[in-house]
Amino acid sequence: MSRLVVLPTSRAGWALLIAFVAVVAAGIWPVIGWVNRAVLVLGLPLLVVWSYVVIFACFAVMLIANRVLERKEDHHD
């Protein structure tokens, strides 16, 4: 029987899981409510800037995860 949830087995895996959860948490309602203010940053509303930060953080976490997985697969060959 397969497991419903698979947990990381390494420190890097746990760190990436925590980073991904943090990025998801940064993009959900309570945080968005805190950021949604009438403030301009470089001519853009703060909410738009925060959205860009979340998108680029998600990209960065996925890029780092891919690099870690590639490195891990190279060591197993």
PDB file of N, CA and C in Angstrom:
ATOM      1  N   MET A   1       0.846  -1.180   0.000  1.00  0.00           N
ATOM      2  CA  MET A   1       0.000   0.000   0.000  1.00  0.00           C
ATOM      3  C   MET A   1       0.890   1.241   0.000  1.00  0.00           C
ATOM      4  N   SER A   2       0.600   2.175  -0.878  1.00  0.00           N
ATOM      5  CA  SER A   2       1.423   3.377  -0.965  1.00  0.00           C
ATOM      6  C   SER A   2       1.017   4.374   0.112  1.00  0.00           C
ATOM      7  N   ARG A   3       1.989   5.152   0.519  1.00  0.00           N
ATOM      8  CA  ARG A   3       1.737   6.170   1.548  1.00  0.00           C
ATOM      9  C   ARG A   3       1.096   7.389   0.919  1.00  0.00           C
ATOM     10  N   LEU A   4       0.237   8.017   1.673  1.00  0.00           N
ATOM     11  CA  LEU A   4      -0.449   9.215   1.184  1.00  0.00           C
ATOM     12  C   LEU A   4       0.487  10.425   1.197  1.00  0.00           C
ATOM     13  N   VAL A   5       1.315  10.521   2.226  1.00  0.00           N
ATOM     14  CA  VAL A   5       2.243  11.635   2.361  1.00  0.00           C
ATOM     15  C   VAL A   5       3.662  11.075   2.442  1.00  0.00           C
ATOM     16  N   VAL A   6       4.541  11.619   1.629  1.00  0.00           N
ATOM     17  CA  VAL A   6       5.948  11.211   1.655  1.00  0.00           C
ATOM     18  C   VAL A   6       6.747  12.360   2.252  1.00  0.00           C
ATOM     19  N   LEU A   7       7.462  12.092   3.329  1.00  0.00           N
ATOM     20  CA  LEU A   7       8.240  13.126   4.005  1.00  0.00           C
ATOM     21  C   LEU A   7       9.686  13.096   3.526  1.00  0.00           C
ATOM     22  N   PRO A   8      10.356  14.240   3.556  1.00  0.00           N
ATOM     23  CA  PRO A   8      11.764  14.287   3.155  1.00  0.00           C
ATOM     24  C   PRO A   8      12.626  13.427   4.079  1.00  0.00           C
ATOM     25  N   THR A   9      13.756  12.981   3.541  1.00  0.00           N
ATOM     26  CA  THR A   9      14.658  12.149   4.328  1.00  0.00           C
ATOM     27  C   THR A   9      15.983  12.833   4.625  1.00  0.00           C
ATOM     28  N   SER A  10      16.211  13.999   4.057  1.00  0.00           N
ATOM     29  CA  SER A  10      17.487  14.687   4.269  1.00  0.00           C
ATOM     30  C   SER A  10      17.239  16.093   4.806  1.00  0.00           C
ATOM     31  N   ARG A  11      18.306  16.707   5.288  1.00  0.00           N
ATOM     32  CA  ARG A  11      18.204  18.101   5.763  1.00  0.00           C
ATOM     33  C   ARG A  11      17.837  19.037   4.627  1.00  0.00           C
ATOM     34  N   ALA A  12      18.435  18.802   3.455  1.00  0.00           N
ATOM     35  CA  ALA A  12      18.122  19.645   2.297  1.00  0.00           C
ATOM     36  C   ALA A  12      16.650  19.505   1.924  1.00  0.00           C
ATOM     37  N   GLY A  13      16.138  18.296   1.992  1.00  0.00           N
ATOM     38  CA  GLY A  13      14.731  18.073   1.684  1.00  0.00           C
ATOM     39  C   GLY A  13      13.817  18.787   2.656  1.00  0.00           C
ATOM     40  N   TRP A  14      14.136  18.712   3.948  1.00  0.00           N
ATOM     41  CA  TRP A  14      13.344  19.418   4.958  1.00  0.00           C
ATOM     42  C   TRP A  14      13.430  20.924   4.758  1.00  0.00           C
ATOM     43  N   ALA A  15      14.622  21.428   4.459  1.00  0.00           N
ATOM     44  CA  ALA A  15      14.788  22.871   4.238  1.00  0.00           C
ATOM     45  C   ALA A  15      13.967  23.329   3.034  1.00  0.00           C
ATOM     46  N   LEU A  16      13.964  22.537   1.977  1.00  0.00           N
ATOM     47  CA  LEU A  16      13.187  22.904   0.795  1.00  0.00           C
ATOM     48  C   LEU A  16      11.686  22.823   1.079  1.00  0.00           C
ATOM     49  N   LEU A  17      11.261  21.850   1.858  1.00  0.00           N
ATOM     50  CA  LEU A  17       9.851  21.759   2.225  1.00  0.00           C
ATOM     51  C   LEU A  17       9.429  22.983   3.038  1.00  0.00           C
ATOM     52  N   ILE A  18      10.252  23.369   3.992  1.00  0.00           N
ATOM     53  CA  ILE A  18       9.954  24.545   4.812  1.00  0.00           C
ATOM     54  C   ILE A  18       9.931  25.806   3.943  1.00  0.00           C
ATOM     55  N   ALA A  19      10.879  25.919   3.010  1.00  0.00           N
ATOM     56  CA  ALA A  19      10.919  27.082   2.121  1.00  0.00           C
ATOM     57  C   ALA A  19       9.668  27.125   1.248  1.00  0.00           C
ATOM     58  N   PHE A  20       9.246  25.973   0.733  1.00  0.00           N
ATOM     59  CA  PHE A  20       8.052  25.940  -0.107  1.00  0.00           C
ATOM     60  C   PHE A  20       6.799  26.296   0.693  1.00  0.00           C
ATOM     61  N   VAL A  21       6.689  25.776   1.903  1.00  0.00           N
ATOM     62  CA  VAL A  21       5.543  26.103   2.756  1.00  0.00           C
ATOM     63  C   VAL A  21       5.547  27.598   3.082  1.00  0.00           C
ATOM     64  N   ALA A  22       6.723  28.173   3.304  1.00  0.00           N
ATOM     65  CA  ALA A  22       6.815  29.610   3.584  1.00  0.00           C
ATOM     66  C   ALA A  22       6.361  30.434   2.383  1.00  0.00           C
ATOM     67  N   VAL A  23       6.736  30.001   1.179  1.00  0.00           N
ATOM     68  CA  VAL A  23       6.305  30.727  -0.021  1.00  0.00           C
ATOM     69  C   VAL A  23       4.790  30.632  -0.182  1.00  0.00           C
ATOM     70  N   VAL A  24       4.241  29.447   0.050  1.00  0.00           N
ATOM     71  CA  VAL A  24       2.780  29.291  -0.040  1.00  0.00           C
ATOM     72  C   VAL A  24       2.097  30.160   1.018  1.00  0.00           C
ATOM     73  N   ALA A  25       2.639  30.163   2.231  1.00  0.00           N
ATOM     74  CA  ALA A  25       2.058  30.976   3.305  1.00  0.00           C
ATOM     75  C   ALA A  25       2.129  32.462   2.971  1.00  0.00           C
ATOM     76  N   ALA A  26       3.177  32.873   2.275  1.00  0.00           N
ATOM     77  CA  ALA A  26       3.312  34.285   1.908  1.00  0.00           C
ATOM     78  C   ALA A  26       2.272  34.712   0.883  1.00  0.00           C
ATOM     79  N   GLY A  27       1.679  33.748   0.177  1.00  0.00           N
ATOM     80  CA  GLY A  27       0.721  34.093  -0.859  1.00  0.00           C
ATOM     81  C   GLY A  27      -0.733  33.857  -0.483  1.00  0.00           C
ATOM     82  N   ILE A  28      -1.026  33.549   0.778  1.00  0.00           N
ATOM     83  CA  ILE A  28      -2.416  33.301   1.154  1.00  0.00           C
ATOM     84  C   ILE A  28      -3.011  34.507   1.874  1.00  0.00           C
ATOM     85  N   TRP A  29      -4.278  34.422   2.180  1.00  0.00           N
ATOM     86  CA  TRP A  29      -5.058  35.572   2.601  1.00  0.00           C
ATOM     87  C   TRP A  29      -4.509  36.390   3.767  1.00  0.00           C
ATOM     88  N   PRO A  30      -4.166  35.834   4.909  1.00  0.00           N
ATOM     89  CA  PRO A  30      -3.767  36.741   6.004  1.00  0.00           C
ATOM     90  C   PRO A  30      -2.578  37.639   5.634  1.00  0.00           C
ATOM     91  N   VAL A  31      -1.600  37.081   4.959  1.00  0.00           N
ATOM     92  CA  VAL A  31      -0.425  37.881   4.583  1.00  0.00           C
ATOM     93  C   VAL A  31      -0.811  38.918   3.538  1.00  0.00           C
ATOM     94  N   ILE A  32      -1.630  38.520   2.587  1.00  0.00           N
ATOM     95  CA  ILE A  32      -2.082  39.467   1.564  1.00  0.00           C
ATOM     96  C   ILE A  32      -2.838  40.618   2.222  1.00  0.00           C
ATOM     97  N   GLY A  33      -3.617  40.331   3.245  1.00  0.00           N
ATOM     98  CA  GLY A  33      -4.330  41.388   3.964  1.00  0.00           C
ATOM     99  C   GLY A  33      -3.393  42.377   4.623  1.00  0.00           C
ATOM    100  N   TRP A  34      -2.264  41.890   5.104  1.00  0.00           N
ATOM    101  CA  TRP A  34      -1.274  42.773   5.741  1.00  0.00           C
ATOM    102  C   TRP A  34      -0.560  43.630   4.713  1.00  0.00           C
ATOM    103  N   VAL A  35      -0.393  43.106   3.503  1.00  0.00           N
ATOM    104  CA  VAL A  35       0.383  43.800   2.466  1.00  0.00           C
ATOM    105  C   VAL A  35      -0.495  44.735   1.638  1.00  0.00           C
ATOM    106  N   ASN A  36      -1.792  44.507   1.615  1.00  0.00           N
ATOM    107  CA  ASN A  36      -2.699  45.282   0.781  1.00  0.00           C
ATOM    108  C   ASN A  36      -2.928  46.666   1.395  1.00  0.00           C
ATOM    109  N   ARG A  37      -2.031  47.587   1.059  1.00  0.00           N
ATOM    110  CA  ARG A  37      -2.099  48.965   1.554  1.00  0.00           C
ATOM    111  C   ARG A  37      -1.913  49.937   0.404  1.00  0.00           C
ATOM    112  N   ALA A  38      -2.309  51.146   0.606  1.00  0.00           N
ATOM    113  CA  ALA A  38      -2.184  52.185  -0.419  1.00  0.00           C
ATOM    114  C   ALA A  38      -0.777  52.787  -0.379  1.00  0.00           C
ATOM    115  N   VAL A  39       0.202  51.956  -0.664  1.00  0.00           N
ATOM    116  CA  VAL A  39       1.606  52.382  -0.664  1.00  0.00           C
ATOM    117  C   VAL A  39       2.183  52.051  -2.028  1.00  0.00           C
ATOM    118  N   LEU A  40       2.955  52.967  -2.577  1.00  0.00           N
ATOM    119  CA  LEU A  40       3.607  52.717  -3.859  1.00  0.00           C
ATOM    120  C   LEU A  40       5.084  52.389  -3.636  1.00  0.00           C
ATOM    121  N   VAL A  41       5.545  51.366  -4.319  1.00  0.00           N
ATOM    122  CA  VAL A  41       6.951  50.982  -4.300  1.00  0.00           C
ATOM    123  C   VAL A  41       7.416  50.960  -5.745  1.00  0.00           C
ATOM    124  N   LEU A  42       8.333  51.845  -6.082  1.00  0.00           N
ATOM    125  CA  LEU A  42       8.796  51.995  -7.462  1.00  0.00           C
ATOM    126  C   LEU A  42       7.635  52.216  -8.432  1.00  0.00           C
ATOM    127  N   GLY A  43       6.626  52.940  -7.986  1.00  0.00           N
ATOM    128  CA  GLY A  43       5.484  53.266  -8.823  1.00  0.00           C
ATOM    129  C   GLY A  43       4.423  52.186  -8.898  1.00  0.00           C
ATOM    130  N   LEU A  44       4.618  51.071  -8.210  1.00  0.00           N
ATOM    131  CA  LEU A  44       3.647  49.978  -8.210  1.00  0.00           C
ATOM    132  C   LEU A  44       3.018  49.850  -6.831  1.00  0.00           C
ATOM    133  N   PRO A  45       1.759  49.436  -6.797  1.00  0.00           N
ATOM    134  CA  PRO A  45       1.149  49.191  -5.481  1.00  0.00           C
ATOM    135  C   PRO A  45       1.906  48.091  -4.727  1.00  0.00           C
ATOM    136  N   LEU A  46       1.934  48.185  -3.414  1.00  0.00           N
ATOM    137  CA  LEU A  46       2.664  47.229  -2.591  1.00  0.00           C
ATOM    138  C   LEU A  46       2.198  45.800  -2.836  1.00  0.00           C
ATOM    139  N   LEU A  47       0.913  45.596  -3.076  1.00  0.00           N
ATOM    140  CA  LEU A  47       0.386  44.251  -3.330  1.00  0.00           C
ATOM    141  C   LEU A  47       0.971  43.651  -4.603  1.00  0.00           C
ATOM    142  N   VAL A  48       1.159  44.448  -5.624  1.00  0.00           N
ATOM    143  CA  VAL A  48       1.757  43.961  -6.871  1.00  0.00           C
ATOM    144  C   VAL A  48       3.218  43.594  -6.642  1.00  0.00           C
ATOM    145  N   VAL A  49       3.938  44.431  -5.924  1.00  0.00           N
ATOM    146  CA  VAL A  49       5.339  44.141  -5.618  1.00  0.00           C
ATOM    147  C   VAL A  49       5.429  42.843  -4.808  1.00  0.00           C
ATOM    148  N   TRP A  50       4.541  42.676  -3.830  1.00  0.00           N
ATOM    149  CA  TRP A  50       4.529  41.453  -3.019  1.00  0.00           C
ATOM    150  C   TRP A  50       4.228  40.228  -3.894  1.00  0.00           C
ATOM    151  N   SER A  51       3.330  40.377  -4.850  1.00  0.00           N
ATOM    152  CA  SER A  51       3.024  39.270  -5.759  1.00  0.00           C
ATOM    153  C   SER A  51       4.250  38.877  -6.567  1.00  0.00           C
ATOM    154  N   TYR A  52       4.993  39.860  -7.040  1.00  0.00           N
ATOM    155  CA  TYR A  52       6.239  39.562  -7.760  1.00  0.00           C
ATOM    156  C   TYR A  52       7.239  38.849  -6.854  1.00  0.00           C
ATOM    157  N   VAL A  53       7.337  39.282  -5.617  1.00  0.00           N
ATOM    158  CA  VAL A  53       8.253  38.645  -4.664  1.00  0.00           C
ATOM    159  C   VAL A  53       7.868  37.182  -4.465  1.00  0.00           C
ATOM    160  N   VAL A  54       6.583  36.910  -4.302  1.00  0.00           N
ATOM    161  CA  VAL A  54       6.120  35.535  -4.113  1.00  0.00           C
ATOM    162  C   VAL A  54       6.405  34.691  -5.354  1.00  0.00           C
ATOM    163  N   ILE A  55       6.145  35.230  -6.531  1.00  0.00           N
ATOM    164  CA  ILE A  55       6.388  34.480  -7.770  1.00  0.00           C
ATOM    165  C   ILE A  55       7.866  34.174  -7.930  1.00  0.00           C
ATOM    166  N   PHE A  56       8.739  35.158  -7.727  1.00  0.00           N
ATOM    167  CA  PHE A  56      10.175  34.914  -7.883  1.00  0.00           C
ATOM    168  C   PHE A  56      10.716  34.008  -6.776  1.00  0.00           C
ATOM    169  N   ALA A  57      10.157  34.095  -5.577  1.00  0.00           N
ATOM    170  CA  ALA A  57      10.570  33.187  -4.503  1.00  0.00           C
ATOM    171  C   ALA A  57      10.181  31.748  -4.836  1.00  0.00           C
ATOM    172  N   CYS A  58       9.004  31.564  -5.395  1.00  0.00           N
ATOM    173  CA  CYS A  58       8.566  30.230  -5.809  1.00  0.00           C
ATOM    174  C   CYS A  58       9.501  29.687  -6.891  1.00  0.00           C
ATOM    175  N   PHE A  59       9.836  30.517  -7.851  1.00  0.00           N
ATOM    176  CA  PHE A  59      10.782  30.124  -8.903  1.00  0.00           C
ATOM    177  C   PHE A  59      12.128  29.738  -8.296  1.00  0.00           C
ATOM    178  N   ALA A  60      12.614  30.524  -7.353  1.00  0.00           N
ATOM    179  CA  ALA A  60      13.914  30.254  -6.742  1.00  0.00           C
ATOM    180  C   ALA A  60      13.907  28.944  -5.958  1.00  0.00           C
ATOM    181  N   VAL A  61      12.844  28.700  -5.200  1.00  0.00           N
ATOM    182  CA  VAL A  61      12.768  27.454  -4.424  1.00  0.00           C
ATOM    183  C   VAL A  61      12.725  26.250  -5.362  1.00  0.00           C
ATOM    184  N   MET A  62      11.950  26.341  -6.436  1.00  0.00           N
ATOM    185  CA  MET A  62      11.879  25.225  -7.377  1.00  0.00           C
ATOM    186  C   MET A  62      13.210  25.021  -8.089  1.00  0.00           C
ATOM    187  N   LEU A  63      13.899  26.098  -8.432  1.00  0.00           N
ATOM    188  CA  LEU A  63      15.200  25.990  -9.077  1.00  0.00           C
ATOM    189  C   LEU A  63      16.214  25.325  -8.148  1.00  0.00           C
ATOM    190  N   ILE A  64      16.245  25.744  -6.899  1.00  0.00           N
ATOM    191  CA  ILE A  64      17.154  25.141  -5.919  1.00  0.00           C
ATOM    192  C   ILE A  64      16.809  23.672  -5.714  1.00  0.00           C
ATOM    193  N   ALA A  65      15.517  23.350  -5.634  1.00  0.00           N
ATOM    194  CA  ALA A  65      15.106  21.955  -5.464  1.00  0.00           C
ATOM    195  C   ALA A  65      15.557  21.105  -6.641  1.00  0.00           C
ATOM    196  N   ASN A  66      15.422  21.619  -7.846  1.00  0.00           N
ATOM    197  CA  ASN A  66      15.883  20.867  -9.017  1.00  0.00           C
ATOM    198  C   ASN A  66      17.388  20.649  -8.979  1.00  0.00           C
ATOM    199  N   ARG A  67      18.140  21.652  -8.575  1.00  0.00           N
ATOM    200  CA  ARG A  67      19.605  21.505  -8.480  1.00  0.00           C
ATOM    201  C   ARG A  67      19.968  20.463  -7.434  1.00  0.00           C
ATOM    202  N   VAL A  68      19.288  20.480  -6.296  1.00  0.00           N
ATOM    203  CA  VAL A  68      19.569  19.508  -5.233  1.00  0.00           C
ATOM    204  C   VAL A  68      19.229  18.100  -5.708  1.00  0.00           C
ATOM    205  N   LEU A  69      18.104  17.943  -6.391  1.00  0.00           N
ATOM    206  CA  LEU A  69      17.722  16.624  -6.895  1.00  0.00           C
ATOM    207  C   LEU A  69      18.687  16.129  -7.965  1.00  0.00           C
ATOM    208  N   GLU A  70      19.138  17.019  -8.847  1.00  0.00           N
ATOM    209  CA  GLU A  70      20.120  16.634  -9.861  1.00  0.00           C
ATOM    210  C   GLU A  70      21.411  16.161  -9.208  1.00  0.00           C
ATOM    211  N   ARG A  71      21.861  16.899  -8.207  1.00  0.00           N
ATOM    212  CA  ARG A  71      23.091  16.545  -7.511  1.00  0.00           C
ATOM    213  C   ARG A  71      22.933  15.203  -6.800  1.00  0.00           C
ATOM    214  N   LYS A  72      21.772  14.976  -6.201  1.00  0.00           N
ATOM    215  CA  LYS A  72      21.507  13.740  -5.494  1.00  0.00           C
ATOM    216  C   LYS A  72      21.488  12.550  -6.465  1.00  0.00           C
ATOM    217  N   GLU A  73      20.883  12.739  -7.647  1.00  0.00           N
ATOM    218  CA  GLU A  73      20.819  11.671  -8.649  1.00  0.00           C
ATOM    219  C   GLU A  73      22.212  11.373  -9.209  1.00  0.00           C
ATOM    220  N   ASP A  74      23.057  12.392  -9.360  1.00  0.00           N
ATOM    221  CA  ASP A  74      24.415  12.186  -9.871  1.00  0.00           C
ATOM    222  C   ASP A  74      25.237  11.344  -8.923  1.00  0.00           C
ATOM    223  N   HIS A  75      25.039  11.466  -7.618  1.00  0.00           N
ATOM    224  CA  HIS A  75      25.792  10.705  -6.638  1.00  0.00           C
ATOM    225  C   HIS A  75      25.366   9.250  -6.584  1.00  0.00           C
ATOM    226  N   HIS A  76      24.155   8.944  -7.039  1.00  0.00           N
ATOM    227  CA  HIS A  76      23.663   7.571  -6.991  1.00  0.00           C
ATOM    228  C   HIS A  76      24.127   6.752  -8.174  1.00  0.00           C
ATOM    229  N   ASP A  77      24.603   7.371  -9.241  1.00  0.00           N
ATOM    230  CA  ASP A  77      25.033   6.621 -10.437  1.00  0.00           C
ATOM    231  C   ASP A  77      26.356   5.932 -10.250  1.00  0.00           C
TER     232      ASP A  77
END
